[in-house]
N, C-alpha and C. Protein backbone atom coordinates (compact mmCIF):
# COMPACT_ATOMS: atom_id res chain seq x y z
N MET A 1 0.85 -1.18 0.00
CA MET A 1 0.00 0.00 0.00
C MET A 1 0.89 1.24 0.00
N LYS A 2 0.56 2.15 -0.88
CA LYS A 2 1.37 3.34 -0.99
C LYS A 2 1.08 4.30 0.17
N ALA A 3 1.97 5.25 0.33
CA ALA A 3 1.81 6.21 1.42
C ALA A 3 0.55 7.05 1.24
N ARG A 4 0.24 7.39 0.00
CA ARG A 4 -0.95 8.19 -0.26
C ARG A 4 -2.20 7.42 0.13
N GLU A 5 -2.26 6.14 -0.21
CA GLU A 5 -3.41 5.32 0.15
C GLU A 5 -3.54 5.19 1.66
N LYS A 6 -2.40 5.06 2.33
CA LYS A 6 -2.44 4.98 3.80
C LYS A 6 -3.02 6.26 4.40
N ARG A 7 -2.63 7.39 3.84
CA ARG A 7 -3.17 8.66 4.35
C ARG A 7 -4.67 8.74 4.13
N LEU A 8 -5.14 8.30 2.97
CA LEU A 8 -6.57 8.33 2.68
C LEU A 8 -7.35 7.44 3.65
N VAL A 9 -6.79 6.24 3.90
CA VAL A 9 -7.45 5.34 4.86
C VAL A 9 -7.48 5.97 6.24
N PHE A 10 -6.37 6.57 6.64
CA PHE A 10 -6.31 7.22 7.95
C PHE A 10 -7.33 8.35 8.06
N VAL A 11 -7.45 9.15 7.01
CA VAL A 11 -8.43 10.25 7.01
C VAL A 11 -9.85 9.70 7.06
N ALA A 12 -10.11 8.64 6.31
CA ALA A 12 -11.46 8.06 6.30
C ALA A 12 -11.82 7.51 7.68
N VAL A 13 -10.88 6.81 8.30
CA VAL A 13 -11.14 6.29 9.65
C VAL A 13 -11.37 7.43 10.63
N GLY A 14 -10.60 8.50 10.49
CA GLY A 14 -10.78 9.65 11.38
C GLY A 14 -12.15 10.29 11.21
N ILE A 15 -12.60 10.43 9.97
CA ILE A 15 -13.92 11.02 9.72
C ILE A 15 -15.02 10.14 10.30
N MET A 16 -14.87 8.83 10.12
CA MET A 16 -15.86 7.91 10.68
C MET A 16 -15.89 8.00 12.21
N GLY A 17 -14.71 8.10 12.81
CA GLY A 17 -14.66 8.21 14.28
C GLY A 17 -15.34 9.48 14.78
N VAL A 18 -15.09 10.60 14.09
CA VAL A 18 -15.74 11.86 14.48
C VAL A 18 -17.25 11.76 14.31
N GLY A 19 -17.71 11.12 13.23
CA GLY A 19 -19.15 10.97 13.01
C GLY A 19 -19.81 10.15 14.10
N VAL A 20 -19.17 9.03 14.47
CA VAL A 20 -19.73 8.19 15.54
C VAL A 20 -19.77 8.94 16.86
N ALA A 21 -18.71 9.69 17.17
CA ALA A 21 -18.68 10.45 18.41
C ALA A 21 -19.77 11.53 18.43
N ALA A 22 -19.98 12.20 17.28
CA ALA A 22 -21.03 13.23 17.21
C ALA A 22 -22.40 12.61 17.38
N TRP A 23 -22.61 11.43 16.77
CA TRP A 23 -23.91 10.76 16.89
C TRP A 23 -24.18 10.37 18.34
N LEU A 24 -23.18 9.86 19.03
CA LEU A 24 -23.35 9.49 20.44
C LEU A 24 -23.62 10.72 21.30
N ALA A 25 -22.93 11.82 21.01
CA ALA A 25 -23.13 13.05 21.79
C ALA A 25 -24.54 13.58 21.60
N VAL A 26 -25.02 13.59 20.37
CA VAL A 26 -26.38 14.07 20.10
C VAL A 26 -27.41 13.18 20.79
N GLY A 27 -27.21 11.88 20.75
CA GLY A 27 -28.13 10.98 21.43
C GLY A 27 -28.16 11.22 22.93
N ALA A 28 -26.99 11.45 23.53
CA ALA A 28 -26.94 11.72 24.96
C ALA A 28 -27.65 13.03 25.30
N LEU A 29 -27.45 14.04 24.46
CA LEU A 29 -28.11 15.33 24.70
C LEU A 29 -29.62 15.20 24.59
N ARG A 30 -30.07 14.47 23.60
CA ARG A 30 -31.52 14.30 23.44
C ARG A 30 -32.13 13.60 24.63
N SER A 31 -31.42 12.61 25.15
CA SER A 31 -31.97 11.88 26.30
C SER A 31 -31.99 12.74 27.56
N ASN A 32 -31.13 13.75 27.62
CA ASN A 32 -31.07 14.59 28.81
C ASN A 32 -31.88 15.88 28.68
N ILE A 33 -32.31 16.21 27.46
CA ILE A 33 -33.06 17.45 27.28
C ILE A 33 -34.45 17.28 27.86
N SER A 34 -34.88 18.23 28.62
CA SER A 34 -36.24 18.24 29.15
C SER A 34 -36.79 19.65 28.99
N TYR A 35 -37.82 19.77 28.20
CA TYR A 35 -38.41 21.07 27.94
C TYR A 35 -39.28 21.50 29.11
N TYR A 36 -39.47 22.80 29.21
CA TYR A 36 -40.27 23.36 30.30
C TYR A 36 -41.69 23.62 29.82
N PHE A 37 -42.66 23.26 30.67
CA PHE A 37 -44.06 23.52 30.38
C PHE A 37 -44.73 24.08 31.63
N SER A 38 -45.63 25.03 31.43
CA SER A 38 -46.39 25.60 32.54
C SER A 38 -47.63 24.75 32.79
N PRO A 39 -48.28 24.89 33.93
CA PRO A 39 -49.53 24.13 34.17
C PRO A 39 -50.59 24.38 33.11
N THR A 40 -50.67 25.61 32.59
CA THR A 40 -51.65 25.90 31.53
C THR A 40 -51.35 25.08 30.29
N GLN A 41 -50.07 24.98 29.91
CA GLN A 41 -49.71 24.19 28.74
C GLN A 41 -49.95 22.70 28.97
N VAL A 42 -49.69 22.23 30.19
CA VAL A 42 -49.92 20.82 30.49
C VAL A 42 -51.40 20.50 30.42
N MET A 43 -52.25 21.36 30.97
CA MET A 43 -53.69 21.12 30.94
C MET A 43 -54.25 21.24 29.53
N ALA A 44 -53.55 21.96 28.65
CA ALA A 44 -53.98 22.07 27.25
C ALA A 44 -53.40 20.95 26.40
N ASN A 45 -52.75 19.96 27.04
CA ASN A 45 -52.16 18.80 26.35
C ASN A 45 -51.07 19.21 25.36
N GLU A 46 -50.35 20.28 25.67
CA GLU A 46 -49.23 20.68 24.82
C GLU A 46 -47.94 19.95 25.20
N ALA A 47 -47.90 19.37 26.38
CA ALA A 47 -46.71 18.64 26.81
C ALA A 47 -46.75 17.23 26.24
N PRO A 48 -45.57 16.63 25.93
CA PRO A 48 -45.55 15.26 25.40
C PRO A 48 -46.07 14.27 26.43
N ALA A 49 -46.77 13.26 25.94
CA ALA A 49 -47.47 12.34 26.84
C ALA A 49 -46.51 11.54 27.70
N GLN A 50 -45.49 10.91 27.10
CA GLN A 50 -44.61 10.01 27.84
C GLN A 50 -43.19 10.55 28.01
N ALA A 51 -42.91 11.71 27.48
CA ALA A 51 -41.55 12.24 27.53
C ALA A 51 -41.26 12.88 28.89
N LEU A 52 -39.98 13.00 29.17
CA LEU A 52 -39.53 13.67 30.39
C LEU A 52 -39.50 15.17 30.14
N TYR A 53 -40.13 15.94 31.01
CA TYR A 53 -40.11 17.40 30.86
C TYR A 53 -40.19 18.05 32.23
N ARG A 54 -40.00 19.36 32.24
CA ARG A 54 -40.02 20.12 33.49
C ARG A 54 -41.35 20.87 33.61
N LEU A 55 -41.87 20.86 34.81
CA LEU A 55 -43.11 21.56 35.13
C LEU A 55 -42.81 22.53 36.27
N GLY A 56 -43.20 23.77 36.10
CA GLY A 56 -42.90 24.75 37.13
C GLY A 56 -44.07 25.67 37.41
N GLY A 57 -43.98 26.34 38.53
CA GLY A 57 -45.01 27.28 38.94
C GLY A 57 -44.87 27.59 40.41
N LEU A 58 -45.97 28.02 41.01
CA LEU A 58 -46.00 28.29 42.44
C LEU A 58 -46.64 27.12 43.17
N VAL A 59 -46.09 26.76 44.31
CA VAL A 59 -46.69 25.72 45.14
C VAL A 59 -47.91 26.33 45.83
N VAL A 60 -49.07 25.73 45.59
CA VAL A 60 -50.31 26.26 46.17
C VAL A 60 -50.27 26.09 47.68
N LYS A 61 -50.66 27.14 48.38
CA LYS A 61 -50.65 27.10 49.85
C LYS A 61 -51.68 26.09 50.35
N ASN A 62 -51.33 25.40 51.42
CA ASN A 62 -52.17 24.39 52.07
C ASN A 62 -52.46 23.19 51.16
N SER A 63 -51.62 22.96 50.14
CA SER A 63 -51.82 21.81 49.26
C SER A 63 -50.83 20.68 49.52
N LEU A 64 -49.81 20.93 50.33
CA LEU A 64 -48.77 19.94 50.59
C LEU A 64 -49.29 18.87 51.55
N ALA A 65 -49.22 17.61 51.11
CA ALA A 65 -49.69 16.50 51.95
C ALA A 65 -48.69 15.36 51.85
N ARG A 66 -48.30 14.82 53.00
CA ARG A 66 -47.38 13.69 53.05
C ARG A 66 -48.17 12.39 53.09
N GLN A 67 -47.66 11.42 52.32
CA GLN A 67 -48.33 10.13 52.26
C GLN A 67 -47.87 9.24 53.42
N PRO A 68 -48.59 8.14 53.67
CA PRO A 68 -48.25 7.28 54.82
C PRO A 68 -46.83 6.72 54.80
N ASP A 69 -46.21 6.59 53.60
CA ASP A 69 -44.86 6.02 53.58
C ASP A 69 -43.80 6.99 54.12
N GLY A 70 -44.17 8.24 54.32
CA GLY A 70 -43.25 9.21 54.90
C GLY A 70 -42.29 9.84 53.92
N LEU A 71 -42.18 9.32 52.71
CA LEU A 71 -41.26 9.87 51.73
C LEU A 71 -41.97 10.55 50.56
N THR A 72 -43.19 10.12 50.28
CA THR A 72 -43.94 10.66 49.15
C THR A 72 -44.75 11.87 49.60
N VAL A 73 -44.63 12.93 48.84
CA VAL A 73 -45.42 14.14 49.10
C VAL A 73 -46.23 14.47 47.85
N VAL A 74 -47.38 15.05 48.06
CA VAL A 74 -48.25 15.49 46.97
C VAL A 74 -48.54 16.96 47.20
N PHE A 75 -48.41 17.75 46.14
CA PHE A 75 -48.69 19.17 46.25
C PHE A 75 -49.18 19.67 44.89
N ASP A 76 -49.79 20.84 44.90
CA ASP A 76 -50.32 21.44 43.68
C ASP A 76 -49.38 22.54 43.21
N VAL A 77 -49.20 22.61 41.89
CA VAL A 77 -48.39 23.66 41.27
C VAL A 77 -49.30 24.46 40.34
N THR A 78 -49.25 25.77 40.43
CA THR A 78 -50.12 26.62 39.64
C THR A 78 -49.34 27.75 38.99
N ASP A 79 -49.87 28.25 37.88
CA ASP A 79 -49.34 29.47 37.27
C ASP A 79 -50.38 30.58 37.37
N ASN A 80 -51.29 30.43 38.33
CA ASN A 80 -52.39 31.35 38.58
C ASN A 80 -53.46 31.30 37.50
N ALA A 81 -53.37 30.33 36.60
CA ALA A 81 -54.41 30.12 35.62
C ALA A 81 -54.91 28.67 35.68
N GLN A 82 -53.98 27.72 35.74
CA GLN A 82 -54.31 26.31 35.85
C GLN A 82 -53.46 25.69 36.95
N THR A 83 -53.90 24.53 37.44
CA THR A 83 -53.21 23.84 38.54
C THR A 83 -52.99 22.39 38.17
N VAL A 84 -51.81 21.88 38.49
CA VAL A 84 -51.47 20.47 38.25
C VAL A 84 -51.01 19.86 39.57
N LYS A 85 -51.52 18.67 39.86
CA LYS A 85 -51.11 17.95 41.07
C LYS A 85 -49.80 17.22 40.79
N VAL A 86 -48.86 17.34 41.73
CA VAL A 86 -47.53 16.75 41.58
C VAL A 86 -47.28 15.77 42.72
N SER A 87 -46.71 14.61 42.38
CA SER A 87 -46.32 13.62 43.38
C SER A 87 -44.81 13.43 43.29
N TYR A 88 -44.16 13.46 44.45
CA TYR A 88 -42.70 13.31 44.48
C TYR A 88 -42.31 12.42 45.64
N THR A 89 -41.44 11.45 45.37
CA THR A 89 -40.93 10.57 46.41
C THR A 89 -39.45 10.87 46.62
N GLY A 90 -39.12 11.35 47.78
CA GLY A 90 -37.74 11.70 48.09
C GLY A 90 -37.70 12.83 49.09
N ILE A 91 -36.51 13.37 49.28
CA ILE A 91 -36.30 14.46 50.24
C ILE A 91 -36.40 15.78 49.50
N LEU A 92 -37.29 16.63 49.97
CA LEU A 92 -37.47 17.93 49.33
C LEU A 92 -36.30 18.85 49.67
N PRO A 93 -35.97 19.78 48.79
CA PRO A 93 -34.92 20.76 49.11
C PRO A 93 -35.29 21.57 50.34
N ASP A 94 -34.28 22.06 51.03
CA ASP A 94 -34.51 22.82 52.27
C ASP A 94 -35.35 24.07 52.02
N LEU A 95 -35.19 24.68 50.85
CA LEU A 95 -35.89 25.93 50.57
C LEU A 95 -37.24 25.73 49.91
N PHE A 96 -37.69 24.48 49.81
CA PHE A 96 -39.01 24.20 49.25
C PHE A 96 -40.07 24.68 50.24
N GLY A 97 -41.09 25.33 49.72
CA GLY A 97 -42.15 25.79 50.60
C GLY A 97 -43.39 26.18 49.83
N GLU A 98 -44.52 26.18 50.52
CA GLU A 98 -45.78 26.59 49.90
C GLU A 98 -45.74 28.09 49.60
N GLY A 99 -46.33 28.44 48.47
CA GLY A 99 -46.32 29.83 48.05
C GLY A 99 -45.04 30.25 47.36
N GLN A 100 -44.07 29.32 47.20
CA GLN A 100 -42.79 29.62 46.57
C GLN A 100 -42.74 29.01 45.16
N GLY A 101 -41.87 29.56 44.33
CA GLY A 101 -41.67 29.02 42.99
C GLY A 101 -40.93 27.70 43.06
N VAL A 102 -41.27 26.80 42.15
CA VAL A 102 -40.64 25.48 42.12
C VAL A 102 -40.59 24.99 40.67
N VAL A 103 -39.57 24.21 40.37
CA VAL A 103 -39.46 23.53 39.07
C VAL A 103 -39.27 22.05 39.36
N THR A 104 -40.14 21.23 38.79
CA THR A 104 -40.06 19.78 38.96
C THR A 104 -39.74 19.14 37.61
N LYS A 105 -39.19 17.96 37.67
CA LYS A 105 -38.81 17.24 36.45
C LYS A 105 -39.35 15.83 36.54
N GLY A 106 -40.12 15.43 35.53
CA GLY A 106 -40.71 14.10 35.56
C GLY A 106 -41.61 13.87 34.37
N ARG A 107 -42.62 13.01 34.56
CA ARG A 107 -43.56 12.64 33.51
C ARG A 107 -44.98 12.66 34.06
N MET A 108 -45.93 12.82 33.17
CA MET A 108 -47.32 12.76 33.59
C MET A 108 -47.72 11.32 33.86
N GLY A 109 -48.30 11.08 35.02
CA GLY A 109 -48.70 9.74 35.41
C GLY A 109 -50.19 9.55 35.28
N PRO A 110 -50.69 8.43 35.78
CA PRO A 110 -52.13 8.17 35.70
C PRO A 110 -52.92 9.12 36.57
N GLY A 111 -54.14 9.37 36.17
CA GLY A 111 -55.02 10.23 36.94
C GLY A 111 -54.69 11.70 36.85
N GLY A 112 -53.89 12.09 35.87
CA GLY A 112 -53.55 13.50 35.72
C GLY A 112 -52.60 14.01 36.79
N VAL A 113 -51.84 13.12 37.42
CA VAL A 113 -50.86 13.51 38.44
C VAL A 113 -49.47 13.48 37.82
N PHE A 114 -48.74 14.57 37.94
CA PHE A 114 -47.38 14.66 37.43
C PHE A 114 -46.45 13.98 38.42
N VAL A 115 -45.77 12.91 37.97
CA VAL A 115 -44.87 12.16 38.85
C VAL A 115 -43.47 12.73 38.67
N ALA A 116 -43.00 13.45 39.67
CA ALA A 116 -41.70 14.12 39.58
C ALA A 116 -40.59 13.19 40.02
N GLU A 117 -39.51 13.19 39.24
CA GLU A 117 -38.31 12.46 39.62
C GLU A 117 -37.33 13.36 40.35
N GLU A 118 -37.51 14.65 40.19
CA GLU A 118 -36.58 15.61 40.80
C GLU A 118 -37.32 16.91 41.07
N VAL A 119 -37.05 17.49 42.20
CA VAL A 119 -37.55 18.83 42.54
C VAL A 119 -36.34 19.73 42.61
N LEU A 120 -36.27 20.68 41.69
CA LEU A 120 -35.08 21.52 41.59
C LEU A 120 -35.09 22.57 42.69
N ALA A 121 -33.94 22.68 43.38
CA ALA A 121 -33.81 23.63 44.48
C ALA A 121 -33.62 25.04 43.95
N LYS A 122 -33.99 26.01 44.77
CA LYS A 122 -33.78 27.41 44.43
C LYS A 122 -32.51 27.89 45.11
N HIS A 123 -32.05 29.06 44.70
CA HIS A 123 -30.84 29.61 45.29
C HIS A 123 -31.10 30.18 46.68
N ASP A 124 -32.20 30.88 46.82
CA ASP A 124 -32.56 31.42 48.13
C ASP A 124 -34.06 31.69 48.13
N GLU A 125 -34.56 32.25 49.24
CA GLU A 125 -35.99 32.45 49.39
C GLU A 125 -36.57 33.42 48.37
N SER A 126 -35.76 34.38 47.93
CA SER A 126 -36.28 35.39 47.01
C SER A 126 -36.04 35.03 45.56
N TYR A 127 -35.44 33.88 45.30
CA TYR A 127 -35.12 33.50 43.92
C TYR A 127 -36.35 32.90 43.25
N MET A 128 -36.61 33.35 42.02
CA MET A 128 -37.70 32.80 41.23
C MET A 128 -37.11 32.26 39.94
N PRO A 129 -37.27 30.95 39.67
CA PRO A 129 -36.74 30.41 38.41
C PRO A 129 -37.27 31.21 37.22
N PRO A 130 -36.42 31.51 36.25
CA PRO A 130 -36.87 32.33 35.12
C PRO A 130 -38.07 31.76 34.39
N GLU A 131 -38.11 30.42 34.22
CA GLU A 131 -39.25 29.82 33.53
C GLU A 131 -40.54 30.06 34.29
N VAL A 132 -40.49 29.95 35.63
CA VAL A 132 -41.68 30.16 36.44
C VAL A 132 -42.14 31.60 36.33
N ALA A 133 -41.21 32.54 36.42
CA ALA A 133 -41.56 33.95 36.31
C ALA A 133 -42.21 34.25 34.96
N ASP A 134 -41.66 33.67 33.89
CA ASP A 134 -42.23 33.89 32.55
C ASP A 134 -43.63 33.31 32.44
N SER A 135 -43.82 32.08 32.95
CA SER A 135 -45.14 31.45 32.84
C SER A 135 -46.18 32.19 33.67
N LEU A 136 -45.78 32.69 34.85
CA LEU A 136 -46.71 33.47 35.66
C LEU A 136 -47.10 34.76 34.97
N GLN A 137 -46.13 35.40 34.34
CA GLN A 137 -46.41 36.65 33.63
C GLN A 137 -47.33 36.37 32.44
N THR A 138 -47.08 35.29 31.71
CA THR A 138 -47.94 34.95 30.57
C THR A 138 -49.35 34.63 31.03
N ALA A 139 -49.48 33.84 32.10
CA ALA A 139 -50.81 33.49 32.60
C ALA A 139 -51.54 34.74 33.08
N HIS A 140 -50.82 35.67 33.70
CA HIS A 140 -51.44 36.90 34.16
C HIS A 140 -51.95 37.71 32.97
N ALA A 141 -51.14 37.82 31.92
CA ALA A 141 -51.55 38.58 30.73
C ALA A 141 -52.76 37.94 30.07
N GLN A 142 -52.79 36.59 30.00
CA GLN A 142 -53.93 35.91 29.42
C GLN A 142 -55.18 36.12 30.27
N GLY A 143 -55.01 36.12 31.59
CA GLY A 143 -56.16 36.35 32.48
C GLY A 143 -56.73 37.75 32.32
N VAL A 144 -55.86 38.75 32.20
CA VAL A 144 -56.32 40.13 32.00
C VAL A 144 -57.07 40.25 30.68
N THR A 145 -56.54 39.61 29.62
CA THR A 145 -57.21 39.65 28.31
C THR A 145 -58.58 38.99 28.38
N ALA A 146 -58.66 37.84 29.05
CA ALA A 146 -59.94 37.14 29.17
C ALA A 146 -60.95 37.97 29.94
N MET A 147 -60.50 38.64 31.01
CA MET A 147 -61.41 39.49 31.78
C MET A 147 -61.92 40.65 30.93
N ALA A 148 -61.04 41.24 30.13
CA ALA A 148 -61.45 42.36 29.28
C ALA A 148 -62.47 41.90 28.24
N GLN A 149 -62.25 40.70 27.65
CA GLN A 149 -63.19 40.19 26.67
C GLN A 149 -64.53 39.88 27.32
N ALA A 150 -64.51 39.32 28.53
CA ALA A 150 -65.76 39.03 29.22
C ALA A 150 -66.51 40.30 29.54
N ALA A 151 -65.78 41.34 29.95
CA ALA A 151 -66.43 42.62 30.26
C ALA A 151 -67.04 43.22 29.00
N ALA A 152 -66.33 43.12 27.87
CA ALA A 152 -66.86 43.66 26.61
C ALA A 152 -68.10 42.88 26.18
N ALA A 153 -68.07 41.56 26.33
CA ALA A 153 -69.23 40.76 25.96
C ALA A 153 -70.41 41.07 26.87
N GLY A 154 -70.15 41.31 28.14
CA GLY A 154 -71.23 41.67 29.06
C GLY A 154 -71.83 43.02 28.73
N ALA A 155 -70.99 43.96 28.29
CA ALA A 155 -71.50 45.28 27.93
C ALA A 155 -72.35 45.21 26.68
N ASP A 156 -71.99 44.34 25.72
CA ASP A 156 -72.77 44.21 24.50
C ASP A 156 -74.13 43.58 24.77
N GLY A 157 -74.20 42.68 25.73
CA GLY A 157 -75.46 41.99 26.00
C GLY A 157 -76.29 42.64 27.08
N ALA A 158 -75.89 43.82 27.58
CA ALA A 158 -76.63 44.47 28.66
C ALA A 158 -77.91 45.06 28.14
N ALA A 159 -78.91 45.21 29.02
CA ALA A 159 -80.19 45.80 28.65
C ALA A 159 -80.00 47.27 28.34
N PRO A 160 -80.73 47.81 27.35
CA PRO A 160 -80.57 49.22 27.01
C PRO A 160 -81.06 50.10 28.13
N PRO A 161 -80.52 51.29 28.27
CA PRO A 161 -80.96 52.18 29.35
C PRO A 161 -82.38 52.64 29.14
N ALA A 162 -82.99 53.12 30.22
CA ALA A 162 -84.36 53.59 30.15
C ALA A 162 -84.43 54.75 29.18
N GLY A 163 -85.38 54.69 28.27
CA GLY A 163 -85.50 55.74 27.26
C GLY A 163 -86.78 55.55 26.51
N PRO A 164 -86.78 55.87 25.23
CA PRO A 164 -88.01 55.70 24.44
C PRO A 164 -88.47 54.26 24.45
N ALA A 165 -89.71 54.10 24.09
CA ALA A 165 -90.30 52.76 24.13
C ALA A 165 -89.56 51.83 23.20
N SER A 166 -89.34 50.61 23.66
CA SER A 166 -88.69 49.59 22.84
C SER A 166 -89.20 48.24 23.31
N PRO A 167 -89.10 47.20 22.47
CA PRO A 167 -89.57 45.87 22.88
C PRO A 167 -88.83 45.36 24.10
N ALA A 168 -87.50 45.74 24.27
CA ALA A 168 -86.75 45.27 25.42
C ALA A 168 -87.05 46.09 26.66
N ASN A 169 -87.85 47.15 26.53
CA ASN A 169 -88.14 48.04 27.65
C ASN A 169 -89.64 48.25 27.73
N PRO A 170 -90.40 47.19 28.04
CA PRO A 170 -91.86 47.31 27.97
C PRO A 170 -92.42 48.29 28.97
N GLU A 171 -91.71 48.51 30.08
CA GLU A 171 -92.28 49.42 31.07
C GLU A 171 -92.31 50.86 30.58
N ARG A 172 -91.59 51.13 29.49
CA ARG A 172 -91.58 52.48 28.95
C ARG A 172 -92.56 52.64 27.81
N GLN A 173 -93.38 51.60 27.53
CA GLN A 173 -94.35 51.70 26.45
C GLN A 173 -95.39 52.77 26.80
N PRO A 174 -95.81 53.57 25.82
CA PRO A 174 -96.81 54.61 26.13
C PRO A 174 -98.14 53.95 26.46
N THR A 175 -98.83 54.56 27.37
CA THR A 175 -100.14 54.04 27.77
C THR A 175 -101.19 55.07 27.41
N ALA A 176 -102.35 54.56 27.12
CA ALA A 176 -103.45 55.47 26.77
C ALA A 176 -103.88 56.23 28.01
N PRO A 177 -104.24 57.48 27.86
CA PRO A 177 -104.68 58.25 29.03
C PRO A 177 -105.94 57.65 29.61
N PRO A 178 -106.08 57.65 30.91
CA PRO A 178 -107.29 57.06 31.52
C PRO A 178 -108.53 57.82 31.11
N ALA A 179 -109.59 57.07 30.97
CA ALA A 179 -110.86 57.71 30.59
C ALA A 179 -111.35 58.56 31.76
N THR A 180 -111.70 59.79 31.45
CA THR A 180 -112.18 60.70 32.49
C THR A 180 -113.70 60.75 32.44
N THR A 181 -114.30 60.83 33.57
CA THR A 181 -115.77 60.91 33.65
C THR A 181 -116.15 62.31 34.11
N ASP A 182 -117.05 62.85 33.42
CA ASP A 182 -117.53 64.21 33.74
C ASP A 182 -118.54 64.11 34.86
N PRO A 183 -118.32 64.79 35.98
CA PRO A 183 -119.28 64.67 37.11
C PRO A 183 -120.64 65.25 36.79
N THR A 184 -120.72 66.16 35.81
CA THR A 184 -122.04 66.76 35.50
C THR A 184 -122.75 65.88 34.50
N PRO A 185 -123.99 65.57 34.75
CA PRO A 185 -124.71 64.70 33.83
C PRO A 185 -124.95 65.41 32.51
N ALA A 186 -124.99 64.65 31.46
CA ALA A 186 -125.27 65.22 30.14
C ALA A 186 -126.72 65.68 30.08
N PRO A 187 -127.00 66.76 29.36
CA PRO A 187 -128.40 67.23 29.28
C PRO A 187 -129.28 66.18 28.62
N ALA A 188 -130.47 66.12 29.15
CA ALA A 188 -131.41 65.11 28.63
C ALA A 188 -131.85 65.50 27.25
N GLN A 189 -132.00 64.57 26.40
CA GLN A 189 -132.47 64.81 25.02
C GLN A 189 -133.97 64.87 25.04
N PRO A 190 -134.53 65.82 24.29
CA PRO A 190 -136.01 65.89 24.27
C PRO A 190 -136.59 64.64 23.63
N GLY A 191 -137.61 64.12 24.26
CA GLY A 191 -138.28 62.95 23.73
C GLY A 191 -139.58 63.32 23.04
N PRO A 192 -140.28 62.37 22.55
CA PRO A 192 -141.57 62.67 21.88
C PRO A 192 -142.57 63.20 22.87
N VAL A 193 -143.40 64.09 22.42
CA VAL A 193 -144.43 64.75 23.27
C VAL A 193 -145.73 63.99 23.11
N ALA A 194 -146.31 63.60 24.23
CA ALA A 194 -147.60 62.92 24.15
C ALA A 194 -148.69 63.90 23.75
N PRO A 195 -149.73 63.43 23.03
CA PRO A 195 -150.81 64.35 22.64
C PRO A 195 -151.48 64.91 23.88
N GLY A 196 -151.71 66.19 23.83
CA GLY A 196 -152.36 66.88 24.96
C GLY A 196 -151.43 67.15 26.09
N GLY A 197 -150.24 66.76 25.93
CA GLY A 197 -149.28 67.01 27.01
C GLY A 197 -148.51 68.23 26.75
N ARG A 198 -147.66 68.53 27.62
CA ARG A 198 -146.79 69.69 27.47
C ARG A 198 -145.47 69.26 26.85
N ALA A 199 -144.90 70.24 26.20
CA ALA A 199 -143.63 69.98 25.58
C ALA A 199 -142.61 69.80 26.62
């Protein structure tokens, strides 16, 4: 084999090695990627059914309940528009608390309960994960828009104000004036005069 052929073989083997390494790296990244979804998106079935993804929001106050095994906890996560029940088995982070932002990682389980494999810790009490802050802001904007549309629809369907007579305002229909009776009797009409009588 000539030197040139050896170089070509070496280059070909190198290219194949780089391709295999890139393919393995992409596969590993895909298996570790978990997209973020808000409770509103999860309830709208926008999240993949069996895939691993992150769910975040605020922990609803008075929703945290420990199961009899002592390790499993159930709590509700909301973005102030929709709420998803989350089940997690393990030790919660020290800074986990009701009314605080949280990001969980897992899959949707039976009965509409999100089974979390991991509850991501926050940096401190005042830290809000960026995804949670964004989803809360989006849910708030959607809620304001919905309220404005409902108010506009209510204004369009409201009864017209009191005014001229209309079918929707029967109490304003004109009424005929009441018949008045004259207290003085009408003069008697002259009748026929009997013969020999007086007019």
